[in-house]
Protein backbone atom coordinates (compact mmCIF):
# COMPACT_ATOMS: atom_id res chain seq x y z
CA MET A 1 7.45 5.42 23.28
CA SER A 2 10.90 4.13 24.16
CA ALA A 3 13.06 5.56 26.89
CA PRO A 4 15.12 8.58 25.89
CA GLY A 5 18.45 7.87 24.26
CA PRO A 6 21.51 10.11 24.14
CA LEU A 7 19.87 12.41 21.58
CA GLY A 8 16.22 12.11 22.66
CA PRO A 9 13.41 9.57 22.54
CA LEU A 10 13.38 6.90 19.85
CA GLY A 11 10.81 8.01 17.33
CA SER A 12 11.96 11.52 16.48
CA LEU A 13 15.72 10.92 16.18
CA LEU A 14 17.93 11.55 13.18
CA PRO A 15 19.97 8.55 11.99
CA ASP A 16 22.69 7.21 14.27
CA VAL A 17 24.74 4.64 12.37
CA ARG A 18 27.44 3.31 14.67
CA VAL A 19 28.28 0.09 12.81
CA PRO A 20 28.31 -0.08 8.97
CA PRO A 21 25.11 -1.96 8.09
CA PRO A 22 24.52 -4.78 8.00
CA GLY A 23 26.53 -5.14 11.19
CA PRO A 24 27.81 -8.37 12.74
CA ALA A 25 24.58 -9.06 14.63
CA SER A 26 22.49 -8.70 11.46
CA ARG A 27 24.94 -10.85 9.52
CA ALA A 28 24.77 -13.58 12.15
CA LEU A 29 20.98 -13.50 12.07
CA ALA A 30 21.04 -13.71 8.28
CA GLU A 31 23.09 -16.91 8.44
CA ARG A 32 20.70 -18.40 10.98
CA LEU A 33 17.75 -17.43 8.78
CA ARG A 34 19.31 -19.10 5.73
CA ALA A 35 19.27 -22.37 7.63
CA VAL A 36 15.55 -22.35 8.42
CA GLU A 37 13.65 -20.23 5.87
CA SER A 38 12.85 -20.91 2.22
CA ARG A 39 15.51 -19.26 0.09
CA ASN A 40 12.74 -17.51 -1.88
CA VAL A 41 11.56 -15.31 0.98
CA THR A 42 14.31 -13.00 2.27
CA PHE A 43 16.91 -11.52 -0.06
CA ILE A 44 20.34 -11.73 1.58
CA ASP A 45 23.68 -10.49 0.31
CA ASP A 46 26.67 -8.61 1.72
CA ALA A 47 24.78 -5.28 1.77
CA TRP A 48 21.30 -6.44 2.82
CA PRO A 49 19.28 -6.78 5.09
CA VAL A 50 19.43 -5.35 8.58
CA PHE A 51 17.34 -7.08 11.26
CA TRP A 52 14.96 -4.91 13.24
CA GLU A 53 14.80 -5.13 17.02
CA GLU A 54 12.89 -2.03 18.08
CA ALA A 55 10.83 0.70 16.45
CA ALA A 56 8.94 3.79 17.57
CA GLY A 57 7.51 6.71 15.67
CA SER A 58 9.63 7.14 12.55
CA ASN A 59 12.71 5.36 13.93
CA VAL A 60 13.89 1.77 13.70
CA ARG A 61 16.75 0.32 15.74
CA ASP A 62 18.52 -2.72 14.30
CA ALA A 63 20.19 -5.67 16.02
CA ASP A 64 23.52 -3.81 16.02
CA GLY A 65 22.11 -0.70 17.70
CA ASN A 66 21.97 1.47 14.58
CA VAL A 67 19.07 3.93 14.46
CA TYR A 68 17.37 4.66 11.12
CA VAL A 69 14.77 7.08 9.86
CA ASP A 70 12.09 4.87 8.34
CA LEU A 71 10.51 6.09 5.10
CA THR A 72 8.89 2.70 4.45
CA GLY A 73 6.48 2.62 7.38
CA GLY A 74 6.97 -1.14 7.36
CA PHE A 75 5.37 -1.51 3.89
CA GLY A 76 2.99 1.34 4.70
CA VAL A 77 1.60 -0.30 7.83
CA ALA A 78 2.90 2.22 10.37
CA PHE A 79 1.07 5.26 9.03
CA LEU A 80 0.55 6.50 12.60
CA GLY A 81 4.13 5.60 13.50
CA HIS A 82 5.68 2.48 14.95
CA ALA A 83 4.40 1.52 18.42
CA HIS A 84 1.84 4.29 18.56
CA PRO A 85 1.23 4.78 22.31
CA ALA A 86 -2.57 4.54 22.11
CA VAL A 87 -2.39 1.41 19.95
CA ALA A 88 0.21 -0.24 22.19
CA ALA A 89 -1.86 0.51 25.28
CA ALA A 90 -5.04 -0.86 23.68
CA VAL A 91 -3.32 -4.09 22.65
CA ALA A 92 -1.82 -4.50 26.14
CA ARG A 93 -5.22 -4.04 27.78
CA GLN A 94 -6.91 -6.43 25.37
CA SER A 95 -4.21 -9.09 25.79
CA GLY A 96 -5.22 -9.41 29.43
CA ARG A 97 -8.91 -9.82 28.56
CA LEU A 98 -9.30 -11.87 25.36
CA VAL A 99 -6.58 -12.81 22.90
CA HIS A 100 -8.60 -15.02 20.57
CA GLY A 101 -12.30 -15.48 19.88
CA MET A 102 -14.42 -17.56 17.50
CA GLY A 103 -15.03 -15.08 14.72
CA ASP A 104 -17.97 -16.71 12.92
CA VAL A 105 -19.30 -18.86 15.79
CA HIS A 106 -18.99 -16.93 19.07
CA PRO A 107 -17.55 -13.60 17.90
CA PRO A 108 -15.50 -11.25 20.06
CA ALA A 109 -17.54 -8.18 20.96
CA LEU A 110 -14.86 -5.90 19.50
CA LYS A 111 -15.62 -7.24 16.03
CA VAL A 112 -19.01 -5.55 16.12
CA GLU A 113 -17.58 -2.22 17.19
CA LEU A 114 -14.89 -2.26 14.51
CA LEU A 115 -17.31 -3.12 11.70
CA GLU A 116 -19.59 -0.31 12.87
CA ARG A 117 -16.70 2.16 12.79
CA LEU A 118 -15.62 1.03 9.34
CA ALA A 119 -19.17 1.22 8.02
CA ALA A 120 -19.29 4.84 9.14
CA LEU A 121 -16.25 5.60 6.96
CA ALA A 122 -17.60 3.90 3.85
CA PRO A 123 -19.19 5.80 0.95
CA TRP A 124 -22.53 3.94 1.00
CA PRO A 125 -25.63 4.59 3.16
CA GLU A 126 -25.64 0.98 4.31
CA THR A 127 -22.39 -0.99 4.48
CA ARG A 128 -21.56 -4.59 5.21
CA GLY A 129 -18.07 -6.00 5.66
CA VAL A 130 -15.93 -9.07 6.12
CA LEU A 131 -12.80 -8.92 8.27
CA ALA A 132 -9.68 -10.89 7.44
CA SER A 133 -5.97 -10.96 8.22
CA THR A 134 -4.15 -10.09 4.98
CA GLY A 135 -4.62 -7.83 2.01
CA SER A 136 -4.66 -10.78 -0.37
CA GLU A 137 -7.57 -12.28 1.53
CA ALA A 138 -9.52 -9.01 1.39
CA VAL A 139 -9.05 -9.04 -2.38
CA GLU A 140 -10.16 -12.68 -2.56
CA ILE A 141 -13.34 -11.75 -0.66
CA ALA A 142 -14.01 -8.86 -3.04
CA LEU A 143 -13.55 -11.07 -6.12
CA LYS A 144 -15.89 -13.69 -4.70
CA THR A 145 -18.45 -11.03 -3.79
CA ALA A 146 -18.39 -9.57 -7.29
CA TYR A 147 -19.06 -12.97 -8.84
CA LEU A 148 -21.94 -13.70 -6.48
CA ALA A 149 -23.45 -10.26 -7.13
CA THR A 150 -23.16 -10.23 -10.92
CA GLY A 151 -23.04 -13.88 -11.96
CA LYS A 152 -20.25 -12.88 -14.35
CA PRO A 153 -16.89 -14.47 -13.49
CA GLY A 154 -14.67 -12.41 -15.81
CA LEU A 155 -12.45 -9.66 -14.40
CA LEU A 156 -10.76 -6.55 -15.71
CA ALA A 157 -7.52 -5.46 -14.06
CA PHE A 158 -4.71 -3.09 -14.99
CA GLU A 159 -1.18 -3.50 -16.24
CA GLY A 160 1.17 -2.75 -13.36
CA GLY A 161 -1.45 -3.64 -10.78
CA TYR A 162 -0.49 -5.57 -7.66
CA HIS A 163 -3.25 -7.15 -5.57
CA GLY A 164 -1.54 -10.03 -3.76
CA LEU A 165 -0.01 -13.44 -4.34
CA THR A 166 -2.71 -15.94 -3.40
CA LEU A 167 -4.09 -17.63 -6.51
CA GLY A 168 -7.19 -15.45 -6.84
CA SER A 169 -5.40 -12.17 -6.18
CA LEU A 170 -2.43 -13.27 -8.28
CA ALA A 171 -4.74 -13.75 -11.26
CA VAL A 172 -5.42 -9.98 -11.25
CA THR A 173 -1.78 -9.07 -10.53
CA SER A 174 0.01 -8.32 -13.77
CA ARG A 175 3.74 -8.67 -13.11
CA ALA A 176 5.24 -11.64 -14.94
CA LEU A 177 7.79 -12.29 -12.19
CA PHE A 178 5.01 -13.29 -9.83
CA ARG A 179 2.72 -14.92 -12.37
CA ALA A 180 5.09 -17.02 -14.46
CA PRO A 181 5.71 -19.95 -12.06
CA PHE A 182 1.97 -20.43 -11.53
CA GLU A 183 0.49 -19.34 -14.85
CA ARG A 184 -1.25 -22.65 -15.51
CA ARG A 185 -2.95 -22.51 -12.11
CA LEU A 186 -4.36 -19.00 -12.59
CA TYR A 187 -7.90 -18.14 -13.68
CA ALA A 188 -7.77 -17.31 -17.39
CA GLY A 189 -10.75 -14.94 -17.35
CA VAL A 190 -8.80 -11.77 -16.57
CA ALA A 191 -8.34 -9.01 -19.12
CA PHE A 192 -5.71 -6.32 -18.56
CA ALA A 193 -5.97 -2.69 -19.64
CA PRO A 194 -3.18 -0.10 -19.62
CA PHE A 195 -3.04 2.14 -16.55
CA PRO A 196 -2.59 5.80 -17.57
CA VAL A 197 -0.08 7.86 -15.66
CA ALA A 198 -0.20 11.62 -15.21
CA ARG A 199 3.06 13.10 -16.49
CA PRO A 200 4.51 16.56 -15.95
CA ALA A 201 4.37 18.91 -18.91
CA THR A 202 8.15 18.73 -19.27
CA ALA A 203 10.76 16.08 -18.53
CA THR A 204 12.31 18.06 -15.72
CA SER A 205 12.73 16.45 -12.34
CA GLY A 206 9.63 16.36 -10.23
CA SER A 207 7.62 19.04 -11.97
CA ALA A 208 4.30 19.62 -10.27
CA ALA A 209 2.65 20.66 -13.54
CA ALA A 210 -0.72 19.31 -14.59
CA PRO A 211 -0.83 16.27 -16.89
CA ASP A 212 0.05 17.17 -20.47
CA ALA A 213 -1.74 16.19 -23.68
CA VAL A 214 0.18 12.94 -23.93
CA ALA A 215 -0.97 11.90 -20.48
CA ARG A 216 -4.55 12.84 -21.27
CA GLY A 217 -4.28 10.88 -24.48
CA SER A 218 -3.10 7.82 -22.59
CA ALA A 219 -6.13 8.15 -20.33
CA GLU A 220 -8.41 8.25 -23.35
CA GLU A 221 -6.66 5.25 -24.85
CA SER A 222 -6.95 3.35 -21.59
CA LEU A 223 -10.65 4.13 -21.28
CA ALA A 224 -11.23 3.07 -24.88
CA ARG A 225 -9.53 -0.24 -24.11
CA VAL A 226 -11.55 -0.63 -20.91
CA ARG A 227 -14.83 -0.08 -22.75
CA HIS A 228 -13.82 -2.53 -25.47
CA LEU A 229 -12.90 -5.24 -22.97
CA LEU A 230 -16.07 -4.74 -20.97
CA ARG A 231 -18.03 -5.38 -24.17
CA ALA A 232 -15.84 -8.16 -25.57
CA GLY A 233 -15.29 -10.08 -22.32
CA ALA A 234 -12.26 -11.81 -20.88
CA PRO A 235 -9.71 -13.76 -22.95
CA ASN A 236 -11.43 -17.06 -22.14
CA GLY A 237 -14.81 -15.72 -23.22
CA ASP A 238 -16.23 -15.07 -19.74
CA ALA A 239 -18.36 -11.96 -19.32
CA ILE A 240 -16.67 -9.37 -17.11
CA GLY A 241 -18.42 -8.70 -13.82
CA ALA A 242 -15.87 -6.55 -12.00
CA VAL A 243 -13.07 -4.05 -12.52
CA ILE A 244 -10.34 -4.05 -9.86
CA VAL A 245 -8.05 -1.04 -9.58
CA GLU A 246 -5.62 0.65 -7.21
CA PRO A 247 -6.49 4.37 -7.05
CA VAL A 248 -2.72 4.93 -7.12
CA GLN A 249 -0.64 1.97 -8.25
CA GLY A 250 1.84 1.19 -5.49
CA ARG A 251 4.27 -1.56 -6.36
CA ALA A 252 4.34 -0.38 -9.96
CA GLY A 253 6.02 2.80 -8.74
CA VAL A 254 3.44 5.13 -7.14
CA ARG A 255 1.69 5.70 -10.46
CA VAL A 256 -0.89 8.48 -10.14
CA PRO A 257 -3.67 8.55 -12.76
CA PRO A 258 -4.57 11.71 -14.68
CA ASP A 259 -7.37 13.88 -13.36
CA GLY A 260 -10.78 12.55 -14.26
CA PHE A 261 -9.69 9.05 -15.16
CA MET A 262 -11.09 7.30 -12.10
CA ALA A 263 -14.48 9.00 -12.45
CA ALA A 264 -14.64 7.99 -16.12
CA LEU A 265 -13.62 4.43 -15.23
CA SER A 266 -16.46 4.24 -12.70
CA GLU A 267 -18.93 5.42 -15.33
CA ALA A 268 -17.68 2.89 -17.89
CA ALA A 269 -18.04 0.03 -15.42
CA PHE A 270 -21.53 1.16 -14.37
CA GLU A 271 -22.69 1.34 -17.98
CA ALA A 272 -21.40 -2.19 -18.59
CA GLY A 273 -23.05 -3.63 -15.47
CA ALA A 274 -19.69 -4.37 -13.83
CA LEU A 275 -18.77 -3.65 -10.24
CA VAL A 276 -15.75 -1.54 -9.25
CA ILE A 277 -13.37 -2.95 -6.64
CA ALA A 278 -11.05 -0.33 -5.11
CA ASP A 279 -7.87 -1.91 -3.78
CA GLU A 280 -7.08 0.65 -1.07
CA LEU A 281 -4.74 -1.60 0.88
CA MET A 282 -1.94 0.93 0.44
CA THR A 283 -3.81 4.17 -0.21
CA GLY A 284 -6.57 3.81 2.39
CA MET A 285 -6.68 4.76 6.06
CA GLY A 286 -5.28 8.25 5.64
CA ARG A 287 -2.13 7.82 3.56
CA SER A 288 -3.64 9.71 0.63
CA GLY A 289 -4.61 12.67 2.82
CA ALA A 290 -8.15 11.28 3.03
CA MET A 291 -9.47 8.11 4.63
CA LEU A 292 -10.02 6.72 1.12
CA ALA A 293 -8.07 7.80 -1.96
CA SER A 294 -11.16 6.93 -4.02
CA SER A 295 -12.93 9.98 -2.64
CA ARG A 296 -10.05 12.25 -3.69
CA LEU A 297 -9.74 10.86 -7.19
CA GLY A 298 -13.40 10.48 -8.13
CA LEU A 299 -13.52 6.68 -8.09
CA ARG A 300 -16.97 5.35 -7.11
CA PRO A 301 -16.37 1.80 -5.88
CA ASP A 302 -18.90 -0.90 -5.08
CA LEU A 303 -16.35 -2.74 -2.94
CA VAL A 304 -13.30 -1.48 -1.03
CA CYS A 305 -10.36 -3.52 0.26
CA LEU A 306 -8.50 -2.17 3.30
CA GLY A 307 -5.42 -3.45 5.10
CA LYS A 308 -1.87 -2.47 6.06
CA ALA A 309 -2.45 0.71 8.13
CA LEU A 310 -5.88 -0.57 9.21
CA GLY A 311 -4.35 -2.80 11.90
CA ALA A 312 -1.73 -0.21 12.93
CA GLY A 313 0.89 -2.96 13.09
CA LEU A 314 -1.27 -6.05 13.65
CA PRO A 315 -2.47 -8.32 10.82
CA LEU A 316 -5.91 -7.06 9.81
CA SER A 317 -7.78 -6.42 6.58
CA ALA A 318 -11.35 -5.87 5.49
CA CYS A 319 -13.57 -6.01 2.44
CA LEU A 320 -16.39 -3.47 2.65
CA GLY A 321 -19.30 -3.06 0.27
CA ALA A 322 -22.72 -1.59 -0.21
CA ARG A 323 -25.40 -3.72 1.42
CA ALA A 324 -27.06 -4.49 -1.92
CA VAL A 325 -23.80 -5.96 -3.19
CA MET A 326 -22.70 -7.76 -0.03
CA ASP A 327 -26.12 -9.34 0.40
CA ALA A 328 -25.30 -11.48 -2.62
CA TRP A 329 -23.67 -13.75 -0.05
CA PRO A 330 -26.16 -16.29 1.33
CA ALA A 331 -27.21 -16.01 4.95
CA SER A 332 -25.30 -18.42 7.17
CA ALA A 333 -27.24 -21.54 8.01
CA GLY A 334 -24.60 -22.59 10.51
CA GLU A 335 -21.66 -22.83 8.11
CA ALA A 336 -20.01 -19.80 6.53
CA VAL A 337 -19.10 -19.98 2.84
CA HIS A 338 -16.05 -17.81 3.46
CA THR A 339 -14.43 -17.62 6.86
CA SER A 340 -11.08 -17.90 8.61
CA THR A 341 -9.80 -18.90 12.03
CA PHE A 342 -8.59 -15.44 13.00
CA LEU A 343 -11.56 -13.49 11.61
CA GLY A 344 -12.11 -10.47 13.87
CA HIS A 345 -9.08 -11.22 16.01
CA PRO A 346 -9.51 -9.28 19.29
CA LEU A 347 -5.98 -7.88 19.46
CA ALA A 348 -6.12 -6.66 15.87
CA CYS A 349 -9.58 -5.16 16.40
CA ALA A 350 -8.36 -3.36 19.53
CA ALA A 351 -5.40 -1.96 17.60
CA ALA A 352 -7.62 -0.79 14.73
CA LEU A 353 -10.12 0.89 17.05
CA ALA A 354 -7.33 2.73 18.86
CA ALA A 355 -5.92 3.80 15.51
CA LEU A 356 -9.32 5.05 14.35
CA ASP A 357 -9.64 7.06 17.57
CA SER A 358 -6.29 8.64 16.76
CA TYR A 359 -7.60 9.74 13.36
CA GLY A 360 -10.28 11.76 15.16
CA PRO A 361 -8.52 15.10 14.88
CA ALA A 362 -8.54 16.24 11.25
CA ALA A 363 -4.93 17.25 11.91
CA VAL A 364 -3.78 13.70 11.10
CA LEU A 365 -5.05 13.85 7.53
CA THR A 366 -3.93 17.45 7.17
CA ARG A 367 -0.44 16.47 8.34
CA ALA A 368 -0.34 13.61 5.81
CA GLU A 369 -1.11 16.05 3.00
CA GLU A 370 1.29 18.74 4.21
CA LEU A 371 4.15 16.34 4.91
CA GLY A 372 3.73 14.60 1.57
CA THR A 373 3.80 17.98 -0.17
CA ARG A 374 6.91 18.95 1.81
CA LEU A 375 8.73 15.80 0.71
CA ARG A 376 7.72 16.13 -2.94
CA GLU A 377 8.58 19.82 -3.15
CA ARG A 378 12.00 19.38 -1.57
CA LEU A 379 12.81 16.43 -3.78
CA ALA A 380 11.36 18.01 -6.92
CA GLY A 381 13.06 21.35 -6.35
CA ARG A 382 16.49 20.04 -7.30
CA PRO A 383 16.37 19.39 -11.06
CA SER A 384 19.65 21.17 -11.77
CA ARG A 385 21.49 19.30 -9.04
CA VAL A 386 20.13 15.76 -9.24
CA ALA A 387 20.64 14.27 -12.65
CA GLY A 388 18.69 11.10 -13.24
CA VAL A 389 15.49 12.05 -11.42
CA VAL A 390 12.73 11.93 -14.03
CA GLU A 391 9.81 12.79 -11.79
CA VAL A 392 8.70 13.12 -8.19
CA ARG A 393 5.02 12.27 -7.79
CA GLY A 394 2.48 11.05 -5.31
CA LEU A 395 -0.67 11.61 -3.32
CA GLY A 396 -0.53 12.54 0.35
CA LEU A 397 2.17 10.51 2.10
CA PHE A 398 2.57 8.16 -0.86
CA VAL A 399 5.58 9.40 -2.83
CA GLY A 400 7.47 7.99 -5.80
CA ILE A 401 10.80 9.14 -7.20
CA GLU A 402 11.29 7.87 -10.75
CA LEU A 403 14.89 7.44 -11.87
CA GLY A 404 16.12 7.45 -15.47
CA ASP A 405 17.06 9.79 -18.28
CA GLY A 406 13.54 10.61 -19.44
CA SER A 407 13.64 8.15 -22.34
CA ALA A 408 14.27 4.91 -20.46
CA PRO A 409 14.01 3.82 -16.84
CA ALA A 410 17.20 3.38 -14.86
CA ALA A 411 16.78 -0.34 -14.27
CA GLY A 412 17.99 -1.42 -10.84
CA ALA A 413 18.81 2.15 -9.78
CA ALA A 414 16.24 2.29 -7.00
CA ALA A 415 17.68 -0.84 -5.39
CA ARG A 416 21.16 0.70 -5.48
CA VAL A 417 19.83 3.91 -3.93
CA ALA A 418 18.08 1.90 -1.20
CA VAL A 419 21.40 0.28 -0.25
CA ALA A 420 23.24 3.61 -0.29
CA ALA A 421 20.52 5.23 1.83
CA LEU A 422 20.61 2.31 4.28
CA GLU A 423 24.31 2.94 4.83
CA ARG A 424 23.42 6.56 5.74
CA GLY A 425 20.63 5.54 8.11
CA VAL A 426 17.52 5.99 5.96
CA LEU A 427 15.18 3.13 5.07
CA VAL A 428 13.51 3.26 1.67
CA LEU A 429 12.22 0.63 -0.78
CA PRO A 430 12.58 0.18 -4.54
CA ALA A 431 9.49 -0.20 -6.69
CA GLY A 432 8.56 -0.32 -10.37
CA GLU A 433 8.76 -3.06 -12.95
CA SER A 434 12.53 -2.71 -13.22
CA SER A 435 13.37 -1.21 -9.81
CA GLU A 436 13.45 2.29 -11.25
CA VAL A 437 11.30 4.03 -8.62
CA LEU A 438 11.95 4.85 -4.98
CA GLU A 439 8.76 4.35 -2.97
CA LEU A 440 8.23 6.44 0.17
CA THR A 441 5.46 5.52 2.61
CA PRO A 442 6.57 7.19 5.86
CA ALA A 443 4.62 7.68 9.06
CA VAL A 444 2.62 10.81 9.67
CA THR A 445 4.82 11.22 12.77
CA LEU A 446 7.89 11.93 10.62
CA THR A 447 9.23 15.24 11.92
CA ASP A 448 10.16 18.11 9.63
CA ALA A 449 13.78 17.68 10.71
CA GLN A 450 13.69 13.97 9.85
CA ALA A 451 12.01 14.71 6.51
CA ASP A 452 14.58 17.34 5.53
CA HIS A 453 17.48 15.12 6.61
CA ALA A 454 16.06 12.18 4.68
CA VAL A 455 15.78 14.29 1.53
CA GLU A 456 19.47 15.21 1.79
CA VAL A 457 20.38 11.55 2.25
CA LEU A 458 18.29 10.48 -0.74
CA VAL A 459 19.79 13.18 -2.96
CA SER A 460 23.27 12.03 -1.97
CA ALA A 461 22.39 8.37 -2.50
CA ILE A 462 20.86 9.08 -5.92
CA ARG A 463 23.99 10.93 -7.01
CA GLU A 464 26.09 8.00 -5.89
CA ALA A 465 23.94 5.36 -7.57
CA LEU A 466 23.43 7.06 -10.96
């Protein structure tokens, strides 16, 4: 935790915007970045971005000294808060002992401990895993595993799904923006089914009502399409050996499926002899109010991909699976079929183990559920005062605010709200196919005061942007 500032320690502060963002220091850094980074990577204009210099808890301080309340959690990574004291201490200790090992030759001892801890969290009696550095790589490992286990190369994914941008993971990512430049390089054996979304019974803002008949119908239609594709095979004729799904679609706009859909999807895959891959990169490790969202939603996966919050700020991911599935990989005869230089990196393993220790009290998961409910209820309780909010939805500390008029999405509105919120000291990200959803993935350390203040800021920013 940082030293106390004028209003208290960084981590639990309300916004303190002293220079209109982006300030001169951020602007200077942006110009320097333009000169050395591919123009495709960082979006830069007069209103964006600010450059981070320090973060703790639910606060970020930028290069100009402005303090923000962070509702992004750094893309969902900082579920336990930025610079969690136990994680920082574990990384500091480990950095003086062993910074790098030889993951598949002479492994760091911490790799064993971490895999044991992850196996204990998994839903199978016997679990095997592969560690990696990025979410995309965890997905690649899962796709390879499914092919080895089934002998069927075809894949079924969902419209709106986002699984990464490496060529294998991109093949099961549906958004045209990402796919179009590389379409001819992508595996053609992927079929896409519609992802059903639970809708409130009325079009009022943020209703917490159960899914209506239309939503249930969309689930039935999706399942019918899934069953058809599992029988018919992929577009190129390949038999389908795996279904990959996000329990809650993240980048598509925090799309929550109707009750019962994930259980029915699991049954359909089982009947067809296909494996289920749960992409829990965003929903796993507590964000859903449980260690795995699959367990809350009835999904019964054969493989699970973890990342983001797993490393508590350090690059770390994992593909876990039942032993019977993972043993489809051949035993190493001195050369691994899939490996990487930083597999089981000691610093990342130390961070993950410290984070897992911090999950020990059930209060962490309870707080994620209660805080997520607090945010949704406060945002959803303003239908008469916030025109343009179609729905507030989510699971645990994964919250989406859909903007529009109920008949069409407000294209680009979430990006405008993100800029307006930034100016008021709150960090939030746009999501959805047309930037019509505000995505909130805050830390469990977000205080009630910070949460309530952030809601007021978002309401004001939405009014301004719509």
